[in-house]
Amino acid sequence: MRRLLLSCVFLLSFSVDVARAQSNDAALPNPRDLLQKALANEKKLAAQQERYECQVTDEAVETDGKGNVKKTTTEVKEQFFVNGIAVERTLSKNGKDLTAEETRKEDQHVMKEAVKYSNQANAQKETDKQNKQIEDFLSAMQLAGGRREQVKGRNVLFYDIVPNPKFQAKNLNQRFAQVMQGKISIDEETGEVIDLNMKSVQDLKIAGGMLANLHKGFWIHVHDQPQSDGVWLTDLAEGSGDARAALFFHPYFRFKETTGGCHLYNAEANQVGQAKPVK
């Protein structure tokens, strides 16, 4: 989610509506300048982000066409970062702690992920993959309008997100993006995205609905907030609607992911004696 929000500034900054409204006291900054602030802030705080461990609660609800609940799934996880990649360890499912065997498998999974992304090349490969998916989606959009407001002592910039009329969609993600509209708010001092809220404004069917189907009203909302040391973390991601891609998504669903209870750790390591290799 952090990468999604940062990418929003990057991609939307290249197609800003020049007729956007200006605040009364000062002109709004160029979104490209906001991008540079965000990149510099992320780089400065990257090491500090890895000192955080947070608790994540995932709630997923499947419904029928009338909104009646068919299935509810809840998972509680702990989350930490390795070279900018979030690694999660499941603690409980549907209010029940994992069994001994489930815990063993989860420990193996977490160790495998941590070792994998400890390799900078692997972490960069995953980052590039996620960025490409986000780029495909957001390149079909642009910022419009614009105003500045004081929120809790910080200057916050508010923009509308609208389809880019000059863009020609080339893949599934971009076609989805062309029917989405919403709003975004950005912290002016750091360039960090605070809030992203988008929804589909019309139906979209690909291959007669067999390959993909997105109905009007599908929405997604992501929120970030700064910690006391300046690190920005996602604390909420949610959405709902009627959407399906092949057979991988239930057609009627809603989800909510909340992150909190973050702990800040400080670790130091010193080698004592000669290191011995082990299998």
Protein backbone atom coordinates (compact mmCIF):
# COMPACT_ATOMS: atom_id res chain seq x y z
CA MET A 1 0.00 0.00 0.00
CA ARG A 2 2.88 2.34 0.69
CA ARG A 3 4.16 1.74 -2.83
CA LEU A 4 0.67 2.26 -4.26
CA LEU A 5 0.28 5.65 -2.61
CA LEU A 6 3.75 6.86 -3.60
CA SER A 7 3.19 5.70 -7.17
CA CYS A 8 -0.02 7.74 -7.27
CA VAL A 9 1.97 10.94 -6.89
CA PHE A 10 4.50 9.78 -9.49
CA LEU A 11 2.11 8.75 -12.25
CA LEU A 12 -0.63 11.29 -11.73
CA SER A 13 1.89 14.12 -11.65
CA PHE A 14 2.54 13.78 -15.37
CA SER A 15 -1.00 14.69 -16.42
CA VAL A 16 -2.23 17.48 -14.17
CA ASP A 17 -5.11 19.66 -15.36
CA VAL A 18 -3.55 23.09 -15.93
CA ALA A 19 -6.92 24.70 -15.24
CA ARG A 20 -6.91 23.51 -11.61
CA ALA A 21 -8.14 25.93 -9.00
CA GLN A 22 -5.56 27.77 -6.90
CA SER A 23 -5.75 28.52 -3.18
CA ASN A 24 -6.26 32.12 -2.17
CA ASP A 25 -2.95 32.61 -0.37
CA ALA A 26 -0.43 30.79 -2.58
CA ALA A 27 -0.17 28.81 -5.79
CA LEU A 28 -0.30 25.06 -5.46
CA PRO A 29 3.06 23.27 -5.89
CA ASN A 30 3.94 21.40 -9.04
CA PRO A 31 3.09 17.69 -8.48
CA ARG A 32 6.53 16.79 -9.88
CA ASP A 33 8.05 18.70 -6.95
CA LEU A 34 5.80 16.74 -4.59
CA LEU A 35 7.11 13.54 -6.13
CA GLN A 36 10.70 14.51 -5.46
CA LYS A 37 9.82 15.31 -1.85
CA ALA A 38 8.10 11.94 -1.45
CA LEU A 39 11.04 10.04 -2.96
CA ALA A 40 13.53 11.88 -0.74
CA ASN A 41 11.38 11.27 2.34
CA GLU A 42 10.98 7.56 1.57
CA LYS A 43 14.72 7.13 1.03
CA LYS A 44 15.56 8.94 4.27
CA LEU A 45 13.12 6.88 6.33
CA ALA A 46 13.53 3.47 4.64
CA ALA A 47 15.85 2.10 7.32
CA GLN A 48 13.57 3.36 10.10
CA GLN A 49 10.56 1.62 8.52
CA GLU A 50 12.28 -1.73 9.03
CA ARG A 51 12.35 -1.12 12.79
CA TYR A 52 8.55 -1.34 12.90
CA GLU A 53 6.43 -4.38 13.66
CA CYS A 54 2.66 -3.92 13.40
CA GLN A 55 -0.51 -5.95 13.80
CA VAL A 56 -2.73 -6.32 10.73
CA THR A 57 -6.36 -7.43 10.81
CA ASP A 58 -7.93 -8.63 7.55
CA GLU A 59 -11.71 -8.96 7.25
CA ALA A 60 -13.25 -10.37 4.06
CA VAL A 61 -16.97 -10.84 3.47
CA GLU A 62 -18.57 -12.68 0.54
CA THR A 63 -22.21 -11.82 -0.20
CA ASP A 64 -24.87 -12.75 -2.68
CA GLY A 65 -26.36 -10.35 -5.24
CA LYS A 66 -28.77 -8.97 -2.61
CA GLY A 67 -26.06 -8.19 -0.09
CA ASN A 68 -26.75 -11.14 2.22
CA VAL A 69 -23.59 -12.47 3.88
CA LYS A 70 -22.48 -15.91 2.68
CA LYS A 71 -19.05 -16.17 4.30
CA THR A 72 -16.88 -14.06 6.62
CA THR A 73 -13.16 -14.59 7.11
CA THR A 74 -10.97 -12.79 9.63
CA GLU A 75 -7.20 -13.10 10.00
CA VAL A 76 -4.85 -11.39 12.47
CA LYS A 77 -1.22 -11.07 11.39
CA GLU A 78 2.01 -9.45 12.47
CA GLN A 79 3.85 -7.44 9.82
CA PHE A 80 7.46 -6.33 9.43
CA PHE A 81 9.59 -5.05 6.54
CA VAL A 82 12.62 -6.49 4.78
CA ASN A 83 14.27 -4.17 2.24
CA GLY A 84 10.95 -2.35 1.80
CA ILE A 85 8.90 -5.53 1.28
CA ALA A 86 6.20 -6.28 3.84
CA VAL A 87 6.33 -9.77 5.34
CA GLU A 88 3.31 -11.05 7.28
CA ARG A 89 2.94 -13.90 9.76
CA THR A 90 -0.59 -15.16 10.48
CA LEU A 91 -1.40 -15.40 14.20
CA SER A 92 -5.06 -16.42 14.15
CA LYS A 93 -7.97 -17.19 11.80
CA ASN A 94 -11.62 -16.49 12.57
CA GLY A 95 -10.82 -15.81 16.23
CA LYS A 96 -8.88 -19.05 16.77
CA ASP A 97 -5.13 -19.39 17.30
CA LEU A 98 -3.24 -21.48 14.78
CA THR A 99 -2.65 -25.14 15.56
CA ALA A 100 0.88 -26.35 16.25
CA GLU A 101 1.19 -27.64 12.69
CA GLU A 102 -0.20 -24.43 11.20
CA THR A 103 2.24 -22.43 13.33
CA ARG A 104 5.16 -24.54 12.12
CA LYS A 105 4.20 -24.00 8.48
CA GLU A 106 3.70 -20.29 9.06
CA ASP A 107 7.14 -19.99 10.68
CA GLN A 108 8.70 -21.74 7.69
CA HIS A 109 6.87 -19.41 5.31
CA VAL A 110 7.99 -16.28 7.17
CA MET A 111 11.60 -17.45 7.35
CA LYS A 112 11.58 -18.20 3.63
CA GLU A 113 10.19 -14.74 2.80
CA ALA A 114 12.60 -12.95 5.13
CA VAL A 115 15.63 -14.74 3.69
CA LYS A 116 14.42 -14.17 0.12
CA TYR A 117 13.97 -10.41 0.49
CA SER A 118 17.13 -10.00 2.54
CA ASN A 119 18.72 -10.31 -0.88
CA GLN A 120 18.54 -6.80 -2.32
CA ALA A 121 18.22 -8.11 -5.89
CA ASN A 122 15.13 -10.18 -4.98
CA ALA A 123 13.58 -7.26 -3.13
CA GLN A 124 14.18 -4.95 -6.10
CA LYS A 125 12.67 -7.49 -8.51
CA GLU A 126 9.49 -7.68 -6.40
CA THR A 127 9.37 -3.89 -6.12
CA ASP A 128 9.70 -3.50 -9.90
CA LYS A 129 6.92 -6.05 -10.47
CA GLN A 130 4.52 -4.27 -8.12
CA ASN A 131 5.41 -0.87 -9.55
CA LYS A 132 4.67 -2.11 -13.09
CA GLN A 133 1.21 -3.30 -12.07
CA ILE A 134 0.49 0.02 -10.40
CA GLU A 135 1.87 1.96 -13.35
CA ASP A 136 -0.44 0.10 -15.75
CA PHE A 137 -3.42 1.08 -13.62
CA LEU A 138 -2.62 4.70 -12.80
CA SER A 139 -1.27 5.74 -16.20
CA ALA A 140 -4.86 5.92 -17.43
CA MET A 141 -5.70 8.64 -14.86
CA GLN A 142 -4.88 12.27 -14.17
CA LEU A 143 -5.23 14.89 -11.43
CA ALA A 144 -7.74 17.73 -11.78
CA GLY A 145 -8.84 20.62 -9.61
CA GLY A 146 -6.80 21.38 -6.52
CA ARG A 147 -6.95 23.21 -3.22
CA ARG A 148 -4.91 23.60 -0.03
CA GLU A 149 -6.28 23.22 3.51
CA GLN A 150 -4.78 23.19 7.00
CA VAL A 151 -5.41 19.82 8.68
CA LYS A 152 -4.05 19.28 12.20
CA GLY A 153 -1.41 21.93 11.63
CA ARG A 154 -0.21 20.51 8.27
CA ASN A 155 -0.77 21.84 4.75
CA VAL A 156 -2.77 19.22 2.83
CA LEU A 157 -3.43 19.33 -0.92
CA PHE A 158 -6.67 17.91 -2.31
CA TYR A 159 -7.16 16.79 -5.94
CA ASP A 160 -9.76 14.95 -8.02
CA ILE A 161 -8.72 11.81 -9.92
CA VAL A 162 -10.32 11.53 -13.35
CA PRO A 163 -9.71 9.40 -16.48
CA ASN A 164 -7.08 10.68 -18.89
CA PRO A 165 -9.03 11.38 -22.12
CA LYS A 166 -5.88 11.15 -24.25
CA PHE A 167 -4.86 7.72 -22.99
CA GLN A 168 -5.35 4.53 -25.01
CA ALA A 169 -5.74 1.46 -22.78
CA LYS A 170 -3.54 -1.50 -23.72
CA ASN A 171 -4.28 -4.05 -20.99
CA LEU A 172 -6.83 -5.16 -18.40
CA ASN A 173 -5.58 -2.93 -15.56
CA GLN A 174 -5.73 0.16 -17.75
CA ARG A 175 -9.25 -0.61 -18.95
CA PHE A 176 -10.36 -0.94 -15.33
CA ALA A 177 -8.68 2.38 -14.54
CA GLN A 178 -10.60 4.21 -17.27
CA VAL A 179 -13.91 3.70 -15.46
CA MET A 180 -12.55 4.77 -12.04
CA GLN A 181 -12.77 8.23 -10.50
CA GLY A 182 -12.01 9.56 -7.05
CA LYS A 183 -10.09 11.88 -4.78
CA ILE A 184 -6.59 12.06 -3.35
CA SER A 185 -5.01 14.14 -0.58
CA ILE A 186 -1.26 14.76 -0.27
CA ASP A 187 0.88 16.10 2.57
CA GLU A 188 2.55 19.19 1.08
CA GLU A 189 5.65 19.11 3.30
CA THR A 190 6.68 15.52 2.51
CA GLY A 191 4.79 14.74 -0.72
CA GLU A 192 3.33 11.64 0.94
CA VAL A 193 -0.18 10.54 -0.03
CA ILE A 194 -2.56 10.68 2.95
CA ASP A 195 -5.79 9.39 1.49
CA LEU A 196 -6.83 7.73 -1.79
CA ASN A 197 -10.49 7.01 -2.55
CA MET A 198 -11.68 5.71 -5.94
CA LYS A 199 -14.81 4.07 -7.34
CA SER A 200 -16.06 2.79 -10.69
CA VAL A 201 -18.53 5.11 -12.41
CA GLN A 202 -19.76 2.67 -15.07
CA ASP A 203 -19.91 -1.04 -15.85
CA LEU A 204 -17.04 -2.73 -17.64
CA LYS A 205 -17.13 -6.15 -19.29
CA ILE A 206 -14.23 -7.80 -21.07
CA ALA A 207 -14.85 -10.81 -23.33
CA GLY A 208 -18.53 -10.61 -22.53
CA GLY A 209 -17.79 -10.72 -18.81
CA MET A 210 -15.99 -14.07 -18.99
CA LEU A 211 -12.50 -12.63 -18.59
CA ALA A 212 -13.37 -9.71 -16.33
CA ASN A 213 -16.45 -7.96 -15.02
CA LEU A 214 -16.57 -4.73 -13.02
CA HIS A 215 -19.87 -3.14 -12.02
CA LYS A 216 -20.56 0.51 -11.30
CA GLY A 217 -20.05 1.36 -7.64
CA PHE A 218 -16.97 -0.77 -6.94
CA TRP A 219 -14.74 1.27 -4.62
CA ILE A 220 -11.38 1.17 -2.85
CA HIS A 221 -10.03 3.39 -0.08
CA VAL A 222 -6.47 3.57 1.32
CA HIS A 223 -5.25 5.81 4.15
CA ASP A 224 -1.74 6.58 5.45
CA GLN A 225 -0.55 8.41 8.53
CA PRO A 226 2.82 9.59 9.87
CA GLN A 227 4.38 8.07 12.98
CA SER A 228 6.10 10.10 15.68
CA ASP A 229 9.50 9.65 14.00
CA GLY A 230 8.21 10.74 10.57
CA VAL A 231 7.78 7.27 9.05
CA TRP A 232 4.54 6.94 7.06
CA LEU A 233 2.57 3.68 7.42
CA THR A 234 -0.71 2.50 5.91
CA ASP A 235 -3.33 2.14 8.65
CA LEU A 236 -6.43 1.37 6.56
CA ALA A 237 -7.28 -0.29 3.25
CA GLU A 238 -10.87 -1.20 2.37
CA GLY A 239 -13.22 -1.72 -0.53
CA SER A 240 -16.35 -3.45 -1.78
CA GLY A 241 -18.39 -4.08 -4.87
CA ASP A 242 -19.18 -6.50 -7.64
CA ALA A 243 -16.02 -7.42 -9.51
CA ARG A 244 -14.53 -10.54 -11.01
CA ALA A 245 -11.32 -11.34 -12.89
CA ALA A 246 -11.56 -14.81 -14.47
CA LEU A 247 -12.36 -17.15 -11.56
CA PHE A 248 -10.10 -15.59 -8.96
CA PHE A 249 -12.44 -13.14 -7.24
CA HIS A 250 -15.86 -13.69 -5.75
CA PRO A 251 -18.31 -11.47 -7.68
CA TYR A 252 -19.77 -9.85 -4.54
CA PHE A 253 -17.43 -8.95 -1.71
CA ARG A 254 -16.14 -6.35 0.69
CA PHE A 255 -12.86 -6.22 2.59
CA LYS A 256 -11.18 -4.18 5.28
CA GLU A 257 -7.55 -4.26 6.41
CA THR A 258 -6.56 -2.26 9.47
CA THR A 259 -3.02 -1.83 10.76
CA GLY A 260 -2.18 -0.70 14.27
CA GLY A 261 -0.43 -1.62 17.49
CA CYS A 262 2.89 -0.78 15.86
CA HIS A 263 6.03 -1.30 17.94
CA LEU A 264 9.33 0.41 17.27
CA TYR A 265 12.40 -1.75 17.84
CA ASN A 266 16.08 -0.90 18.03
CA ALA A 267 18.48 -3.80 17.47
CA GLU A 268 22.25 -3.94 17.45
CA ALA A 269 24.43 -6.94 16.56
CA ASN A 270 28.06 -7.66 17.44
CA GLN A 271 30.11 -10.66 16.37
CA VAL A 272 31.82 -12.49 19.21
CA GLY A 273 34.54 -14.88 18.07
CA GLN A 274 34.80 -16.51 14.67
CA ALA A 275 31.60 -17.18 12.71
CA LYS A 276 30.94 -20.85 11.96
CA PRO A 277 29.01 -21.83 8.79
CA VAL A 278 25.97 -24.09 9.27
CA LYS A 279 23.68 -25.89 6.86
